């Protein structure tokens, strides 16, 4: 997932770069500028989505570790209870 967003961001930068280089010495048309602005907005949106998803991944990793620790604790308690019978 992270790789996909990285590729998306890189493609957005490439599109932006091609927009600037392709214009040459003449000015870009209003349509081209609108497309460029749209691409930049998409890029920013993708960046914020990547940050949000990375934070979510970290939260889920912490949650997973806590649950794994709880499983180990419960297994120990179960073993103790089995030993008392």
PDB file of N, CA and C in Angstrom:
ATOM      1  N   UNK A   1       0.829  -1.175   0.000  1.00  0.00           N
ATOM      2  CA  UNK A   1       0.000   0.000   0.000  1.00  0.00           C
ATOM      3  C   UNK A   1       0.880   1.248   0.000  1.00  0.00           C
ATOM      4  N   UNK A   2       1.912   1.224   0.835  1.00  0.00           N
ATOM      5  CA  UNK A   2       2.817   2.351   0.912  1.00  0.00           C
ATOM      6  C   UNK A   2       3.532   2.549  -0.431  1.00  0.00           C
ATOM      7  N   UNK A   3       3.867   1.437  -1.066  1.00  0.00           N
ATOM      8  CA  UNK A   3       4.553   1.488  -2.354  1.00  0.00           C
ATOM      9  C   UNK A   3       3.649   2.129  -3.407  1.00  0.00           C
ATOM     10  N   UNK A   4       2.365   1.808  -3.356  1.00  0.00           N
ATOM     11  CA  UNK A   4       1.398   2.359  -4.309  1.00  0.00           C
ATOM     12  C   UNK A   4       1.332   3.882  -4.183  1.00  0.00           C
ATOM     13  N   UNK A   5       1.251   4.377  -2.952  1.00  0.00           N
ATOM     14  CA  UNK A   5       1.159   5.818  -2.757  1.00  0.00           C
ATOM     15  C   UNK A   5       2.463   6.520  -3.133  1.00  0.00           C
ATOM     16  N   UNK A   6       3.577   5.865  -2.907  1.00  0.00           N
ATOM     17  CA  UNK A   6       4.867   6.433  -3.317  1.00  0.00           C
ATOM     18  C   UNK A   6       4.904   6.575  -4.833  1.00  0.00           C
ATOM     19  N   UNK A   7       4.454   5.553  -5.526  1.00  0.00           N
ATOM     20  CA  UNK A   7       4.421   5.603  -6.990  1.00  0.00           C
ATOM     21  C   UNK A   7       3.458   6.693  -7.458  1.00  0.00           C
ATOM     22  N   UNK A   8       2.321   6.795  -6.794  1.00  0.00           N
ATOM     23  CA  UNK A   8       1.344   7.828  -7.144  1.00  0.00           C
ATOM     24  C   UNK A   8       1.934   9.225  -6.988  1.00  0.00           C
ATOM     25  N   UNK A   9       2.639   9.439  -5.906  1.00  0.00           N
ATOM     26  CA  UNK A   9       3.265  10.739  -5.659  1.00  0.00           C
ATOM     27  C   UNK A   9       4.331  11.021  -6.713  1.00  0.00           C
ATOM     28  N   UNK A  10       5.153  10.025  -7.017  1.00  0.00           N
ATOM     29  CA  UNK A  10       6.196  10.214  -8.023  1.00  0.00           C
ATOM     30  C   UNK A  10       5.587  10.524  -9.386  1.00  0.00           C
ATOM     31  N   UNK A  11       4.521   9.823  -9.727  1.00  0.00           N
ATOM     32  CA  UNK A  11       3.853  10.101 -11.008  1.00  0.00           C
ATOM     33  C   UNK A  11       3.276  11.511 -11.031  1.00  0.00           C
ATOM     34  N   UNK A  12       2.761  11.964  -9.909  1.00  0.00           N
ATOM     35  CA  UNK A  12       2.242  13.327  -9.832  1.00  0.00           C
ATOM     36  C   UNK A  12       3.357  14.341 -10.063  1.00  0.00           C
ATOM     37  N   UNK A  13       4.510  14.080  -9.459  1.00  0.00           N
ATOM     38  CA  UNK A  13       5.637  14.988  -9.668  1.00  0.00           C
ATOM     39  C   UNK A  13       6.100  14.963 -11.128  1.00  0.00           C
ATOM     40  N   UNK A  14       6.101  13.788 -11.715  1.00  0.00           N
ATOM     41  CA  UNK A  14       6.510  13.674 -13.120  1.00  0.00           C
ATOM     42  C   UNK A  14       5.543  14.443 -14.007  1.00  0.00           C
ATOM     43  N   UNK A  15       4.256  14.304 -13.749  1.00  0.00           N
ATOM     44  CA  UNK A  15       3.257  15.038 -14.531  1.00  0.00           C
ATOM     45  C   UNK A  15       3.469  16.539 -14.371  1.00  0.00           C
ATOM     46  N   UNK A  16       3.730  16.966 -13.143  1.00  0.00           N
ATOM     47  CA  UNK A  16       3.992  18.390 -12.907  1.00  0.00           C
ATOM     48  C   UNK A  16       5.241  18.850 -13.651  1.00  0.00           C
ATOM     49  N   UNK A  17       6.295  18.037 -13.596  1.00  0.00           N
ATOM     50  CA  UNK A  17       7.542  18.392 -14.256  1.00  0.00           C
ATOM     51  C   UNK A  17       7.355  18.462 -15.767  1.00  0.00           C
ATOM     52  N   UNK A  18       6.653  17.495 -16.335  1.00  0.00           N
ATOM     53  CA  UNK A  18       6.401  17.494 -17.775  1.00  0.00           C
ATOM     54  C   UNK A  18       5.588  18.722 -18.158  1.00  0.00           C
ATOM     55  N   UNK A  19       4.657  19.103 -17.290  1.00  0.00           N
ATOM     56  CA  UNK A  19       3.871  20.309 -17.544  1.00  0.00           C
ATOM     57  C   UNK A  19       4.740  21.549 -17.637  1.00  0.00           C
ATOM     58  N   UNK A  20       5.735  21.639 -16.761  1.00  0.00           N
ATOM     59  CA  UNK A  20       6.624  22.802 -16.783  1.00  0.00           C
ATOM     60  C   UNK A  20       7.596  22.761 -17.969  1.00  0.00           C
ATOM     61  N   UNK A  21       8.180  21.614 -18.207  1.00  0.00           N
ATOM     62  CA  UNK A  21       9.177  21.490 -19.271  1.00  0.00           C
ATOM     63  C   UNK A  21       8.512  21.577 -20.642  1.00  0.00           C
ATOM     64  N   UNK A  22       7.350  20.970 -20.792  1.00  0.00           N
ATOM     65  CA  UNK A  22       6.655  20.962 -22.075  1.00  0.00           C
ATOM     66  C   UNK A  22       6.190  22.331 -22.522  1.00  0.00           C
ATOM     67  N   UNK A  23       6.081  23.260 -21.600  1.00  0.00           N
ATOM     68  CA  UNK A  23       5.595  24.592 -21.954  1.00  0.00           C
ATOM     69  C   UNK A  23       6.636  25.392 -22.733  1.00  0.00           C
ATOM     70  N   UNK A  24       7.885  25.147 -22.464  1.00  0.00           N
ATOM     71  CA  UNK A  24       8.944  25.876 -23.156  1.00  0.00           C
ATOM     72  C   UNK A  24       8.871  27.363 -22.855  1.00  0.00           C
ATOM     73  N   UNK A  25       9.340  28.192 -23.786  1.00  0.00           N
ATOM     74  CA  UNK A  25       9.374  29.626 -23.543  1.00  0.00           C
ATOM     75  C   UNK A  25       7.991  30.285 -23.592  1.00  0.00           C
ATOM     76  N   UNK A  26       7.013  29.646 -24.205  1.00  0.00           N
ATOM     77  CA  UNK A  26       5.683  30.243 -24.255  1.00  0.00           C
ATOM     78  C   UNK A  26       4.964  29.996 -22.934  1.00  0.00           C
ATOM     79  N   UNK A  27       3.925  30.760 -22.691  1.00  0.00           N
ATOM     80  CA  UNK A  27       3.150  30.601 -21.474  1.00  0.00           C
ATOM     81  C   UNK A  27       2.170  29.447 -21.619  1.00  0.00           C
ATOM     82  N   UNK A  28       1.871  28.827 -20.492  1.00  0.00           N
ATOM     83  CA  UNK A  28       0.918  27.717 -20.488  1.00  0.00           C
ATOM     84  C   UNK A  28      -0.500  28.268 -20.641  1.00  0.00           C
ATOM     85  N   UNK A  29      -1.320  27.475 -21.292  1.00  0.00           N
ATOM     86  CA  UNK A  29      -2.714  27.900 -21.450  1.00  0.00           C
ATOM     87  C   UNK A  29      -3.427  27.778 -20.106  1.00  0.00           C
ATOM     88  N   UNK A  30      -4.573  28.412 -20.016  1.00  0.00           N
ATOM     89  CA  UNK A  30      -5.352  28.343 -18.780  1.00  0.00           C
ATOM     90  C   UNK A  30      -5.765  26.900 -18.500  1.00  0.00           C
ATOM     91  N   UNK A  31      -6.060  26.165 -19.558  1.00  0.00           N
ATOM     92  CA  UNK A  31      -6.452  24.762 -19.405  1.00  0.00           C
ATOM     93  C   UNK A  31      -5.300  23.952 -18.817  1.00  0.00           C
ATOM     94  N   UNK A  32      -4.097  24.178 -19.319  1.00  0.00           N
ATOM     95  CA  UNK A  32      -2.922  23.461 -18.824  1.00  0.00           C
ATOM     96  C   UNK A  32      -2.646  23.824 -17.373  1.00  0.00           C
ATOM     97  N   UNK A  33      -2.779  25.096 -17.055  1.00  0.00           N
ATOM     98  CA  UNK A  33      -2.561  25.524 -15.680  1.00  0.00           C
ATOM     99  C   UNK A  33      -3.600  24.906 -14.751  1.00  0.00           C
ATOM    100  N   UNK A  34      -4.827  24.795 -15.215  1.00  0.00           N
ATOM    101  CA  UNK A  34      -5.880  24.170 -14.406  1.00  0.00           C
ATOM    102  C   UNK A  34      -5.566  22.696 -14.186  1.00  0.00           C
ATOM    103  N   UNK A  35      -5.096  22.015 -15.230  1.00  0.00           N
ATOM    104  CA  UNK A  35      -4.723  20.607 -15.101  1.00  0.00           C
ATOM    105  C   UNK A  35      -3.552  20.444 -14.139  1.00  0.00           C
ATOM    106  N   UNK A  36      -2.597  21.353 -14.224  1.00  0.00           N
ATOM    107  CA  UNK A  36      -1.445  21.309 -13.336  1.00  0.00           C
ATOM    108  C   UNK A  36      -1.883  21.520 -11.886  1.00  0.00           C
ATOM    109  N   UNK A  37      -2.745  22.477 -11.676  1.00  0.00           N
ATOM    110  CA  UNK A  37      -3.243  22.734 -10.324  1.00  0.00           C
ATOM    111  C   UNK A  37      -4.017  21.519  -9.793  1.00  0.00           C
ATOM    112  N   UNK A  38      -4.781  20.902 -10.667  1.00  0.00           N
ATOM    113  CA  UNK A  38      -5.525  19.699 -10.275  1.00  0.00           C
ATOM    114  C   UNK A  38      -4.565  18.572  -9.897  1.00  0.00           C
ATOM    115  N   UNK A  39      -3.499  18.415 -10.674  1.00  0.00           N
ATOM    116  CA  UNK A  39      -2.501  17.382 -10.377  1.00  0.00           C
ATOM    117  C   UNK A  39      -1.792  17.675  -9.050  1.00  0.00           C
ATOM    118  N   UNK A  40      -1.488  18.926  -8.802  1.00  0.00           N
ATOM    119  CA  UNK A  40      -0.839  19.298  -7.542  1.00  0.00           C
ATOM    120  C   UNK A  40      -1.771  19.036  -6.363  1.00  0.00           C
ATOM    121  N   UNK A  41      -3.050  19.365  -6.533  1.00  0.00           N
ATOM    122  CA  UNK A  41      -4.019  19.103  -5.467  1.00  0.00           C
ATOM    123  C   UNK A  41      -4.140  17.605  -5.205  1.00  0.00           C
ATOM    124  N   UNK A  42      -4.142  16.819  -6.270  1.00  0.00           N
ATOM    125  CA  UNK A  42      -4.205  15.365  -6.121  1.00  0.00           C
ATOM    126  C   UNK A  42      -2.963  14.849  -5.398  1.00  0.00           C
ATOM    127  N   UNK A  43      -1.834  15.429  -5.717  1.00  0.00           N
ATOM    128  CA  UNK A  43      -0.578  15.039  -5.076  1.00  0.00           C
ATOM    129  C   UNK A  43      -0.623  15.350  -3.581  1.00  0.00           C
ATOM    130  N   UNK A  44      -1.060  16.530  -3.224  1.00  0.00           N
ATOM    131  CA  UNK A  44      -1.163  16.917  -1.817  1.00  0.00           C
ATOM    132  C   UNK A  44      -2.154  16.028  -1.081  1.00  0.00           C
ATOM    133  N   UNK A  45      -3.246  15.725  -1.738  1.00  0.00           N
ATOM    134  CA  UNK A  45      -4.250  14.853  -1.144  1.00  0.00           C
ATOM    135  C   UNK A  45      -3.668  13.464  -0.903  1.00  0.00           C
ATOM    136  N   UNK A  46      -2.925  12.965  -1.871  1.00  0.00           N
ATOM    137  CA  UNK A  46      -2.297  11.649  -1.736  1.00  0.00           C
ATOM    138  C   UNK A  46      -1.269  11.655  -0.602  1.00  0.00           C
ATOM    139  N   UNK A  47      -0.516  12.734  -0.471  1.00  0.00           N
ATOM    140  CA  UNK A  47       0.472  12.834   0.606  1.00  0.00           C
ATOM    141  C   UNK A  47      -0.208  12.799   1.967  1.00  0.00           C
ATOM    142  N   UNK A  48      -1.293  13.539   2.107  1.00  0.00           N
ATOM    143  CA  UNK A  48      -1.983  13.547   3.396  1.00  0.00           C
ATOM    144  C   UNK A  48      -2.600  12.181   3.682  1.00  0.00           C
ATOM    145  N   UNK A  49      -3.088  11.516   2.662  1.00  0.00           N
ATOM    146  CA  UNK A  49      -3.654  10.176   2.832  1.00  0.00           C
ATOM    147  C   UNK A  49      -2.555   9.191   3.247  1.00  0.00           C
ATOM    148  N   UNK A  50      -1.376   9.320   2.672  1.00  0.00           N
ATOM    149  CA  UNK A  50      -0.250   8.457   3.035  1.00  0.00           C
ATOM    150  C   UNK A  50       0.094   8.654   4.510  1.00  0.00           C
ATOM    151  N   UNK A  51       0.181   9.911   4.945  1.00  0.00           N
ATOM    152  CA  UNK A  51       0.503  10.187   6.347  1.00  0.00           C
ATOM    153  C   UNK A  51      -0.558   9.594   7.272  1.00  0.00           C
ATOM    154  N   UNK A  52      -1.808   9.764   6.899  1.00  0.00           N
ATOM    155  CA  UNK A  52      -2.914   9.242   7.705  1.00  0.00           C
ATOM    156  C   UNK A  52      -2.828   7.713   7.803  1.00  0.00           C
ATOM    157  N   UNK A  53      -2.578   7.068   6.678  1.00  0.00           N
ATOM    158  CA  UNK A  53      -2.498   5.603   6.668  1.00  0.00           C
ATOM    159  C   UNK A  53      -1.277   5.092   7.424  1.00  0.00           C
ATOM    160  N   UNK A  54      -0.169   5.817   7.351  1.00  0.00           N
ATOM    161  CA  UNK A  54       1.027   5.409   8.094  1.00  0.00           C
ATOM    162  C   UNK A  54       0.772   5.496   9.598  1.00  0.00           C
ATOM    163  N   UNK A  55       0.054   6.548  10.032  1.00  0.00           N
ATOM    164  CA  UNK A  55      -0.291   6.671  11.444  1.00  0.00           C
ATOM    165  C   UNK A  55      -1.215   5.534  11.857  1.00  0.00           C
ATOM    166  N   UNK A  56      -2.154   5.196  10.996  1.00  0.00           N
ATOM    167  CA  UNK A  56      -3.080   4.105  11.286  1.00  0.00           C
ATOM    168  C   UNK A  56      -2.323   2.776  11.397  1.00  0.00           C
ATOM    169  N   UNK A  57      -1.348   2.564  10.536  1.00  0.00           N
ATOM    170  CA  UNK A  57      -0.533   1.345  10.584  1.00  0.00           C
ATOM    171  C   UNK A  57       0.186   1.256  11.927  1.00  0.00           C
ATOM    172  N   UNK A  58       0.766   2.364  12.370  1.00  0.00           N
ATOM    173  CA  UNK A  58       1.480   2.366  13.648  1.00  0.00           C
ATOM    174  C   UNK A  58       0.529   2.057  14.801  1.00  0.00           C
ATOM    175  N   UNK A  59      -0.656   2.642  14.777  1.00  0.00           N
ATOM    176  CA  UNK A  59      -1.638   2.379  15.833  1.00  0.00           C
ATOM    177  C   UNK A  59      -2.024   0.897  15.835  1.00  0.00           C
ATOM    178  N   UNK A  60      -2.233   0.335  14.659  1.00  0.00           N
ATOM    179  CA  UNK A  60      -2.611  -1.076  14.567  1.00  0.00           C
ATOM    180  C   UNK A  60      -1.480  -1.999  15.030  1.00  0.00           C
ATOM    181  N   UNK A  61      -0.237  -1.618  14.747  1.00  0.00           N
ATOM    182  CA  UNK A  61       0.895  -2.417  15.215  1.00  0.00           C
ATOM    183  C   UNK A  61       0.943  -2.424  16.746  1.00  0.00           C
ATOM    184  N   UNK A  62       0.700  -1.262  17.355  1.00  0.00           N
ATOM    185  CA  UNK A  62       0.698  -1.181  18.816  1.00  0.00           C
ATOM    186  C   UNK A  62      -0.442  -2.019  19.384  1.00  0.00           C
ATOM    187  N   UNK A  63      -1.593  -1.925  18.759  1.00  0.00           N
ATOM    188  CA  UNK A  63      -2.744  -2.704  19.207  1.00  0.00           C
ATOM    189  C   UNK A  63      -2.470  -4.209  19.093  1.00  0.00           C
ATOM    190  N   UNK A  64      -1.833  -4.599  17.995  1.00  0.00           N
ATOM    191  CA  UNK A  64      -1.497  -6.011  17.788  1.00  0.00           C
ATOM    192  C   UNK A  64      -0.537  -6.496  18.864  1.00  0.00           C
ATOM    193  N   UNK A  65       0.478  -5.696  19.163  1.00  0.00           N
ATOM    194  CA  UNK A  65       1.458  -6.082  20.178  1.00  0.00           C
ATOM    195  C   UNK A  65       0.784  -6.228  21.540  1.00  0.00           C
ATOM    196  N   UNK A  66      -0.123  -5.322  21.867  1.00  0.00           N
ATOM    197  CA  UNK A  66      -0.831  -5.398  23.144  1.00  0.00           C
ATOM    198  C   UNK A  66      -1.686  -6.661  23.210  1.00  0.00           C
ATOM    199  N   UNK A  67      -2.346  -6.982  22.125  1.00  0.00           N
ATOM    200  CA  UNK A  67      -3.192  -8.174  22.103  1.00  0.00           C
ATOM    201  C   UNK A  67      -2.355  -9.446  22.171  1.00  0.00           C
ATOM    202  N   UNK A  68      -1.205  -9.448  21.516  1.00  0.00           N
ATOM    203  CA  UNK A  68      -0.322 -10.616  21.589  1.00  0.00           C
ATOM    204  C   UNK A  68       0.177 -10.815  23.016  1.00  0.00           C
ATOM    205  N   UNK A  69       0.489  -9.725  23.706  1.00  0.00           N
ATOM    206  CA  UNK A  69       0.932  -9.817  25.100  1.00  0.00           C
ATOM    207  C   UNK A  69      -0.203 -10.353  25.968  1.00  0.00           C
ATOM    208  N   UNK A  70      -1.420  -9.916  25.703  1.00  0.00           N
ATOM    209  CA  UNK A  70      -2.578 -10.391  26.452  1.00  0.00           C
ATOM    210  C   UNK A  70      -2.789 -11.888  26.223  1.00  0.00           C
ATOM    211  N   UNK A  71      -2.603 -12.346  24.987  1.00  0.00           N
ATOM    212  CA  UNK A  71      -2.734 -13.776  24.682  1.00  0.00           C
ATOM    213  C   UNK A  71      -1.713 -14.580  25.472  1.00  0.00           C
ATOM    214  N   UNK A  72      -0.490 -14.111  25.517  1.00  0.00           N
ATOM    215  CA  UNK A  72       0.562 -14.811  26.268  1.00  0.00           C
ATOM    216  C   UNK A  72       0.179 -14.868  27.740  1.00  0.00           C
ATOM    217  N   UNK A  73      -0.294 -13.773  28.274  1.00  0.00           N
ATOM    218  CA  UNK A  73      -0.703 -13.721  29.685  1.00  0.00           C
ATOM    219  C   UNK A  73      -1.845 -14.703  29.955  1.00  0.00           C
ATOM    220  N   UNK A  74      -2.827 -14.724  29.074  1.00  0.00           N
ATOM    221  CA  UNK A  74      -3.966 -15.624  29.251  1.00  0.00           C
ATOM    222  C   UNK A  74      -3.555 -17.090  29.109  1.00  0.00           C
ATOM    223  N   UNK A  75      -2.608 -17.365  28.224  1.00  0.00           N
ATOM    224  CA  UNK A  75      -2.113 -18.739  28.082  1.00  0.00           C
ATOM    225  C   UNK A  75      -1.400 -19.185  29.359  1.00  0.00           C
ATOM    226  N   UNK A  76      -0.655 -18.289  29.988  1.00  0.00           N
ATOM    227  CA  UNK A  76       0.009 -18.617  31.250  1.00  0.00           C
ATOM    228  C   UNK A  76      -1.025 -18.908  32.323  1.00  0.00           C
ATOM    229  N   UNK A  77      -2.063 -18.070  32.383  1.00  0.00           N
ATOM    230  CA  UNK A  77      -3.124 -18.287  33.370  1.00  0.00           C
ATOM    231  C   UNK A  77      -3.818 -19.632  33.120  1.00  0.00           C
ATOM    232  N   UNK A  78      -4.051 -19.954  31.867  1.00  0.00           N
ATOM    233  CA  UNK A  78      -4.686 -21.222  31.517  1.00  0.00           C
ATOM    234  C   UNK A  78      -3.814 -22.403  31.940  1.00  0.00           C
ATOM    235  N   UNK A  79      -2.516 -22.292  31.686  1.00  0.00           N
ATOM    236  CA  UNK A  79      -1.595 -23.350  32.097  1.00  0.00           C
ATOM    237  C   UNK A  79      -1.595 -23.519  33.616  1.00  0.00           C
ATOM    238  N   UNK A  80      -1.646 -22.419  34.353  1.00  0.00           N
ATOM    239  CA  UNK A  80      -1.682 -22.467  35.815  1.00  0.00           C
ATOM    240  C   UNK A  80      -2.969 -23.165  36.281  1.00  0.00           C
ATOM    241  N   UNK A  81      -4.062 -22.821  35.654  1.00  0.00           N
ATOM    242  CA  UNK A  81      -5.345 -23.418  36.038  1.00  0.00           C
ATOM    243  C   UNK A  81      -5.378 -24.915  35.710  1.00  0.00           C
ATOM    244  N   UNK A  82      -4.786 -25.308  34.603  1.00  0.00           N
ATOM    245  CA  UNK A  82      -4.721 -26.720  34.248  1.00  0.00           C
ATOM    246  C   UNK A  82      -3.851 -27.484  35.235  1.00  0.00           C
ATOM    247  N   UNK A  83      -2.798 -26.840  35.712  1.00  0.00           N
ATOM    248  CA  UNK A  83      -1.884 -27.477  36.658  1.00  0.00           C
ATOM    249  C   UNK A  83      -2.517 -27.684  38.025  1.00  0.00           C
ATOM    250  N   UNK A  84      -3.485 -26.876  38.400  1.00  0.00           N
ATOM    251  CA  UNK A  84      -4.130 -26.976  39.714  1.00  0.00           C
ATOM    252  C   UNK A  84      -5.137 -28.117  39.763  1.00  0.00           C
ATOM    253  N   UNK A  85      -5.626 -28.569  38.634  1.00  0.00           N
ATOM    254  CA  UNK A  85      -6.639 -29.638  38.626  1.00  0.00           C
ATOM    255  C   UNK A  85      -6.089 -30.922  39.044  1.00  0.00           C
TER     256      UNK A  85
END
